[in-house]
C-alpha atoms as a PDB file:
ATOM      1  CA  MET A   1      -5.958  -6.038  14.435  1.00  0.00           C
ATOM      2  CA  SER A   2      -9.106  -6.084  16.475  1.00  0.00           C
ATOM      3  CA  ILE A   3     -11.370  -9.011  17.110  1.00  0.00           C
ATOM      4  CA  VAL A   4     -14.885  -8.105  18.128  1.00  0.00           C
ATOM      5  CA  VAL A   5     -16.876 -11.014  19.442  1.00  0.00           C
ATOM      6  CA  ASP A   6     -20.230  -9.402  19.971  1.00  0.00           C
ATOM      7  CA  PRO A   7     -23.758 -10.614  19.271  1.00  0.00           C
ATOM      8  CA  VAL A   8     -24.745  -7.008  18.585  1.00  0.00           C
ATOM      9  CA  ALA A   9     -23.383  -5.506  15.365  1.00  0.00           C
ATOM     10  CA  GLY A  10     -21.462  -2.239  15.197  1.00  0.00           C
ATOM     11  CA  THR A  11     -22.893   1.211  14.639  1.00  0.00           C
ATOM     12  CA  ALA A  12     -21.465   2.259  11.272  1.00  0.00           C
ATOM     13  CA  HIS A  13     -23.992   4.052   9.084  1.00  0.00           C
ATOM     14  CA  HIS A  14     -23.751   4.085   5.311  1.00  0.00           C
ATOM     15  CA  ALA A  15     -24.984   6.888   3.089  1.00  0.00           C
ATOM     16  CA  ALA A  16     -27.170   4.467   1.082  1.00  0.00           C
ATOM     17  CA  SER A  17     -29.140   3.454   4.177  1.00  0.00           C
ATOM     18  CA  PRO A  18     -32.516   5.047   4.846  1.00  0.00           C
ATOM     19  CA  PRO A  19     -32.534   7.439   7.811  1.00  0.00           C
ATOM     20  CA  GLY A  20     -32.451   5.561  11.102  1.00  0.00           C
ATOM     21  CA  VAL A  21     -31.367   2.239   9.527  1.00  0.00           C
ATOM     22  CA  ASP A  22     -27.925   0.887  10.279  1.00  0.00           C
ATOM     23  CA  ALA A  23     -26.715  -0.845   7.101  1.00  0.00           C
ATOM     24  CA  ARG A  24     -24.056  -2.840   8.935  1.00  0.00           C
ATOM     25  CA  THR A  25     -26.587  -4.133  11.443  1.00  0.00           C
ATOM     26  CA  ASP A  26     -28.913  -5.084   8.575  1.00  0.00           C
ATOM     27  CA  ALA A  27     -26.077  -6.869   6.740  1.00  0.00           C
ATOM     28  CA  ASP A  28     -25.006  -8.595   9.958  1.00  0.00           C
ATOM     29  CA  ALA A  29     -28.572  -9.861  10.436  1.00  0.00           C
ATOM     30  CA  ARG A  30     -28.671 -11.247   6.885  1.00  0.00           C
ATOM     31  CA  TRP A  31     -25.320 -13.051   7.266  1.00  0.00           C
ATOM     32  CA  LEU A  32     -26.293 -14.397  10.677  1.00  0.00           C
ATOM     33  CA  ALA A  33     -29.511 -15.733   9.146  1.00  0.00           C
ATOM     34  CA  ARG A  34     -27.361 -17.504   6.527  1.00  0.00           C
ATOM     35  CA  ALA A  35     -25.213 -19.064   9.281  1.00  0.00           C
ATOM     36  CA  VAL A  36     -28.329 -20.198  11.184  1.00  0.00           C
ATOM     37  CA  GLU A  37     -29.750 -21.660   7.973  1.00  0.00           C
ATOM     38  CA  LEU A  38     -26.531 -23.632   7.401  1.00  0.00           C
ATOM     39  CA  ALA A  39     -26.594 -24.875  10.998  1.00  0.00           C
ATOM     40  CA  THR A  40     -30.205 -26.000  10.827  1.00  0.00           C
ATOM     41  CA  ALA A  41     -29.729 -27.782   7.485  1.00  0.00           C
ATOM     42  CA  ASN A  42     -26.610 -29.497   8.805  1.00  0.00           C
ATOM     43  CA  VAL A  43     -28.555 -31.350  11.494  1.00  0.00           C
ATOM     44  CA  SER A  44     -30.500 -33.346   8.895  1.00  0.00           C
ATOM     45  CA  GLU A  45     -27.226 -34.100   7.085  1.00  0.00           C
ATOM     46  CA  GLY A  46     -25.699 -35.797  10.124  1.00  0.00           C
ATOM     47  CA  GLY A  47     -23.700 -32.834  11.424  1.00  0.00           C
ATOM     48  CA  GLY A  48     -23.952 -30.702  14.532  1.00  0.00           C
ATOM     49  CA  PRO A  49     -26.200 -27.620  14.872  1.00  0.00           C
ATOM     50  CA  PHE A  50     -23.569 -25.051  13.921  1.00  0.00           C
ATOM     51  CA  GLY A  51     -22.953 -23.026  10.764  1.00  0.00           C
ATOM     52  CA  ALA A  52     -20.560 -20.233   9.805  1.00  0.00           C
ATOM     53  CA  VAL A  53     -19.934 -17.847   6.921  1.00  0.00           C
ATOM     54  CA  VAL A  54     -16.807 -15.818   6.113  1.00  0.00           C
ATOM     55  CA  VAL A  55     -17.602 -12.543   4.369  1.00  0.00           C
ATOM     56  CA  ALA A  56     -15.372  -9.931   2.729  1.00  0.00           C
ATOM     57  CA  ASP A  57     -16.723  -6.617   1.443  1.00  0.00           C
ATOM     58  CA  GLY A  58     -20.292  -7.915   1.565  1.00  0.00           C
ATOM     59  CA  VAL A  59     -19.473 -11.058  -0.442  1.00  0.00           C
ATOM     60  CA  GLU A  60     -19.614 -14.643   0.815  1.00  0.00           C
ATOM     61  CA  VAL A  61     -16.102 -16.095   0.686  1.00  0.00           C
ATOM     62  CA  ALA A  62     -16.726 -19.470   2.307  1.00  0.00           C
ATOM     63  CA  VAL A  63     -19.076 -21.414   4.551  1.00  0.00           C
ATOM     64  CA  GLY A  64     -18.629 -24.115   7.139  1.00  0.00           C
ATOM     65  CA  GLN A  65     -20.853 -26.561   8.943  1.00  0.00           C
ATOM     66  CA  ASN A  66     -20.061 -28.664  11.975  1.00  0.00           C
ATOM     67  CA  ARG A  67     -18.789 -32.048  10.756  1.00  0.00           C
ATOM     68  CA  VAL A  68     -17.406 -33.465  14.004  1.00  0.00           C
ATOM     69  CA  THR A  69     -19.586 -36.567  14.229  1.00  0.00           C
ATOM     70  CA  ARG A  70     -20.136 -37.002  10.516  1.00  0.00           C
ATOM     71  CA  ASP A  71     -16.409 -36.907   9.667  1.00  0.00           C
ATOM     72  CA  LEU A  72     -15.130 -38.229  13.020  1.00  0.00           C
ATOM     73  CA  ASP A  73     -12.973 -35.093  13.402  1.00  0.00           C
ATOM     74  CA  PRO A  74     -13.123 -33.264  16.755  1.00  0.00           C
ATOM     75  CA  THR A  75     -11.699 -30.108  15.134  1.00  0.00           C
ATOM     76  CA  ALA A  76     -14.276 -29.945  12.334  1.00  0.00           C
ATOM     77  CA  HIS A  77     -16.306 -27.181  13.967  1.00  0.00           C
ATOM     78  CA  ALA A  78     -18.279 -24.899  11.637  1.00  0.00           C
ATOM     79  CA  GLU A  79     -16.043 -21.896  12.265  1.00  0.00           C
ATOM     80  CA  VAL A  80     -12.864 -23.898  11.644  1.00  0.00           C
ATOM     81  CA  GLN A  81     -14.358 -25.392   8.479  1.00  0.00           C
ATOM     82  CA  ALA A  82     -15.316 -21.915   7.216  1.00  0.00           C
ATOM     83  CA  ILE A  83     -11.855 -20.520   8.012  1.00  0.00           C
ATOM     84  CA  ARG A  84     -10.157 -23.423   6.219  1.00  0.00           C
ATOM     85  CA  ALA A  85     -12.371 -22.954   3.155  1.00  0.00           C
ATOM     86  CA  ALA A  86     -11.836 -19.177   3.147  1.00  0.00           C
ATOM     87  CA  CYS A  87      -8.073 -19.606   3.318  1.00  0.00           C
ATOM     88  CA  ARG A  88      -8.170 -22.027   0.386  1.00  0.00           C
ATOM     89  CA  ALA A  89     -10.460 -19.711  -1.589  1.00  0.00           C
ATOM     90  CA  THR A  90      -8.297 -16.633  -1.008  1.00  0.00           C
ATOM     91  CA  GLY A  91      -4.911 -18.315  -1.114  1.00  0.00           C
ATOM     92  CA  THR A  92      -3.804 -16.943   2.241  1.00  0.00           C
ATOM     93  CA  PHE A  93      -3.806 -17.925   5.891  1.00  0.00           C
ATOM     94  CA  ALA A  94      -4.564 -14.369   7.034  1.00  0.00           C
ATOM     95  CA  LEU A  95      -8.174 -13.269   6.674  1.00  0.00           C
ATOM     96  CA  ASP A  96      -7.626  -9.598   7.515  1.00  0.00           C
ATOM     97  CA  GLY A  97     -10.561  -7.436   6.500  1.00  0.00           C
ATOM     98  CA  MET A  98     -13.049 -10.292   6.739  1.00  0.00           C
ATOM     99  CA  THR A  99     -15.877 -11.100   9.138  1.00  0.00           C
ATOM    100  CA  LEU A 100     -16.932 -14.514  10.352  1.00  0.00           C
ATOM    101  CA  TYR A 101     -20.647 -14.884  11.053  1.00  0.00           C
ATOM    102  CA  THR A 102     -21.521 -17.882  13.143  1.00  0.00           C
ATOM    103  CA  SER A 103     -24.792 -19.346  14.332  1.00  0.00           C
ATOM    104  CA  CYS A 104     -23.476 -19.662  17.896  1.00  0.00           C
ATOM    105  CA  GLU A 105     -20.861 -18.110  20.158  1.00  0.00           C
ATOM    106  CA  PRO A 106     -17.487 -19.636  19.272  1.00  0.00           C
ATOM    107  CA  CYS A 107     -16.065 -22.211  21.657  1.00  0.00           C
ATOM    108  CA  PRO A 108     -12.453 -21.771  22.840  1.00  0.00           C
ATOM    109  CA  LEU A 109     -11.121 -23.824  19.873  1.00  0.00           C
ATOM    110  CA  CYS A 110     -13.005 -21.726  17.339  1.00  0.00           C
ATOM    111  CA  LEU A 111     -12.202 -18.427  19.001  1.00  0.00           C
ATOM    112  CA  ALA A 112      -8.504 -19.303  18.921  1.00  0.00           C
ATOM    113  CA  ALA A 113      -8.826 -20.204  15.220  1.00  0.00           C
ATOM    114  CA  CYS A 114     -10.473 -16.819  14.584  1.00  0.00           C
ATOM    115  CA  LEU A 115      -7.590 -15.058  16.307  1.00  0.00           C
ATOM    116  CA  TRP A 116      -4.964 -17.045  14.360  1.00  0.00           C
ATOM    117  CA  ALA A 117      -6.827 -16.283  11.110  1.00  0.00           C
ATOM    118  CA  ARG A 118      -6.698 -12.558  11.912  1.00  0.00           C
ATOM    119  CA  LEU A 119     -10.372 -12.003  11.178  1.00  0.00           C
ATOM    120  CA  ASP A 120     -11.456  -8.419  11.761  1.00  0.00           C
ATOM    121  CA  ARG A 121     -14.772  -9.364  13.334  1.00  0.00           C
ATOM    122  CA  VAL A 122     -16.640 -12.373  14.667  1.00  0.00           C
ATOM    123  CA  VAL A 123     -20.405 -11.955  14.975  1.00  0.00           C
ATOM    124  CA  PHE A 124     -22.546 -14.663  16.541  1.00  0.00           C
ATOM    125  CA  SER A 125     -26.228 -15.277  17.136  1.00  0.00           C
ATOM    126  CA  ALA A 126     -26.995 -17.882  19.842  1.00  0.00           C
ATOM    127  CA  ASP A 127     -24.781 -17.738  22.924  1.00  0.00           C
ATOM    128  CA  ARG A 128     -22.989 -20.276  25.107  1.00  0.00           C
ATOM    129  CA  GLN A 129     -26.061 -20.751  27.313  1.00  0.00           C
ATOM    130  CA  ASP A 130     -28.116 -21.692  24.239  1.00  0.00           C
ATOM    131  CA  ALA A 131     -25.391 -24.156  23.235  1.00  0.00           C
ATOM    132  CA  ALA A 132     -25.345 -25.657  26.735  1.00  0.00           C
ATOM    133  CA  ARG A 133     -29.120 -26.163  26.562  1.00  0.00           C
ATOM    134  CA  GLY A 134     -28.506 -28.152  23.366  1.00  0.00           C
ATOM    135  CA  GLY A 135     -25.880 -30.324  25.071  1.00  0.00           C
ATOM    136  CA  PHE A 136     -22.798 -28.354  23.969  1.00  0.00           C
ATOM    137  CA  ASP A 137     -21.565 -26.906  27.254  1.00  0.00           C
ATOM    138  CA  ASP A 138     -18.168 -25.214  26.958  1.00  0.00           C
ATOM    139  CA  SER A 139     -18.153 -23.977  30.563  1.00  0.00           C
ATOM    140  CA  ALA A 140     -15.988 -26.941  31.608  1.00  0.00           C
ATOM    141  CA  PHE A 141     -13.311 -25.784  29.151  1.00  0.00           C
ATOM    142  CA  TYR A 142     -13.407 -22.185  30.359  1.00  0.00           C
ATOM    143  CA  GLU A 143     -13.129 -23.398  33.966  1.00  0.00           C
ATOM    144  CA  LEU A 144     -10.338 -25.827  33.076  1.00  0.00           C
ATOM    145  CA  PHE A 145      -8.250 -23.160  31.315  1.00  0.00           C
ATOM    146  CA  ALA A 146      -8.418 -21.025  34.448  1.00  0.00           C
ATOM    147  CA  ARG A 147      -6.844 -23.802  36.550  1.00  0.00           C
ATOM    148  CA  ASP A 148      -3.229 -24.877  36.871  1.00  0.00           C
ATOM    149  CA  ARG A 149      -2.525 -27.627  34.328  1.00  0.00           C
ATOM    150  CA  ALA A 150      -1.249 -29.905  37.070  1.00  0.00           C
ATOM    151  CA  THR A 151      -4.823 -30.105  38.401  1.00  0.00           C
ATOM    152  CA  TRP A 152      -6.426 -31.163  35.111  1.00  0.00           C
ATOM    153  CA  ASP A 153      -8.145 -34.506  35.559  1.00  0.00           C
ATOM    154  CA  ARG A 154      -8.829 -35.621  31.996  1.00  0.00           C
ATOM    155  CA  THR A 155      -6.192 -34.650  29.451  1.00  0.00           C
ATOM    156  CA  ARG A 156      -2.819 -34.086  31.048  1.00  0.00           C
ATOM    157  CA  VAL A 157      -0.625 -31.391  29.501  1.00  0.00           C
ATOM    158  CA  VAL A 158       2.978 -31.919  30.557  1.00  0.00           C
ATOM    159  CA  ALA A 159       6.144 -30.018  29.595  1.00  0.00           C
ATOM    160  CA  ARG A 160       9.297 -32.108  29.226  1.00  0.00           C
ATOM    161  CA  ARG A 161      12.454 -30.670  27.723  1.00  0.00           C
ATOM    162  CA  VAL A 162      14.500 -32.999  25.552  1.00  0.00           C
ATOM    163  CA  PRO A 163      17.776 -32.275  23.798  1.00  0.00           C
ATOM    164  CA  GLY A 164      17.016 -30.243  20.698  1.00  0.00           C
ATOM    165  CA  SER A 165      13.665 -28.914  21.962  1.00  0.00           C
ATOM    166  CA  THR A 166      14.348 -25.517  20.443  1.00  0.00           C
ATOM    167  CA  ASP A 167      15.967 -26.780  17.214  1.00  0.00           C
ATOM    168  CA  PRO A 168      12.778 -26.279  15.165  1.00  0.00           C
ATOM    169  CA  PHE A 169      12.627 -22.619  16.222  1.00  0.00           C
ATOM    170  CA  ASP A 170      16.314 -22.118  15.523  1.00  0.00           C
ATOM    171  CA  ALA A 171      15.781 -23.597  12.046  1.00  0.00           C
ATOM    172  CA  TRP A 172      12.752 -21.339  11.561  1.00  0.00           C
ATOM    173  CA  LEU A 173      14.677 -18.225  12.542  1.00  0.00           C
ATOM    174  CA  ALA A 174      17.577 -19.177  10.279  1.00  0.00           C
ATOM    175  CA  HIS A 175      15.297 -19.856   7.299  1.00  0.00           C
ATOM    176  CA  THR A 176      15.431 -16.617   5.304  1.00  0.00           C
ATOM    177  CA  ALA A 177      12.546 -17.555   2.975  1.00  0.00           C
ATOM    178  CA  ARG A 178      10.047 -18.143   5.800  1.00  0.00           C
ATOM    179  CA  THR A 179       6.599 -16.607   5.689  1.00  0.00           C
ATOM    180  CA  ALA A 180       6.080 -14.748   8.921  1.00  0.00           C
ATOM    181  CA  TYR A 181       2.793 -15.145  10.717  1.00  0.00           C
END
């Protein structure tokens, strides 16, 4: 599996494309425009300025818009919403072979969701500096993750072993009908 988080599309050429035109780049631009359209429309609907589209084989599978403030859900980012909808639509938690187009560079939460979903590609338009200009600055998270957890000043993350800490994993490993992921 490879995850490509790149605002510039790949270089694959298709036979149907006119000479000198990269069909994948053209398709990427169209899907990014769709994500930007969703993000812009979402602002007037009470959501944040983020939109995302999951695409498989040139077909829209699902969309997502940022619903954090509207739904009072800090995990309701556009990318997460699109991944959730795509998983429901396809009946699987693994989105291999699919691309997520997003109006803005994914934050750490969304990037982790993309990795867990096994998306083949993530293509974004605006970057983290654009998001920061709009009041969505993720740099504090990137800086925080680079520090020792003991130095975190807001949300403390503490490990404490209790008896049975590994029981859930033992049960998982013993469960022969489990779905590996």
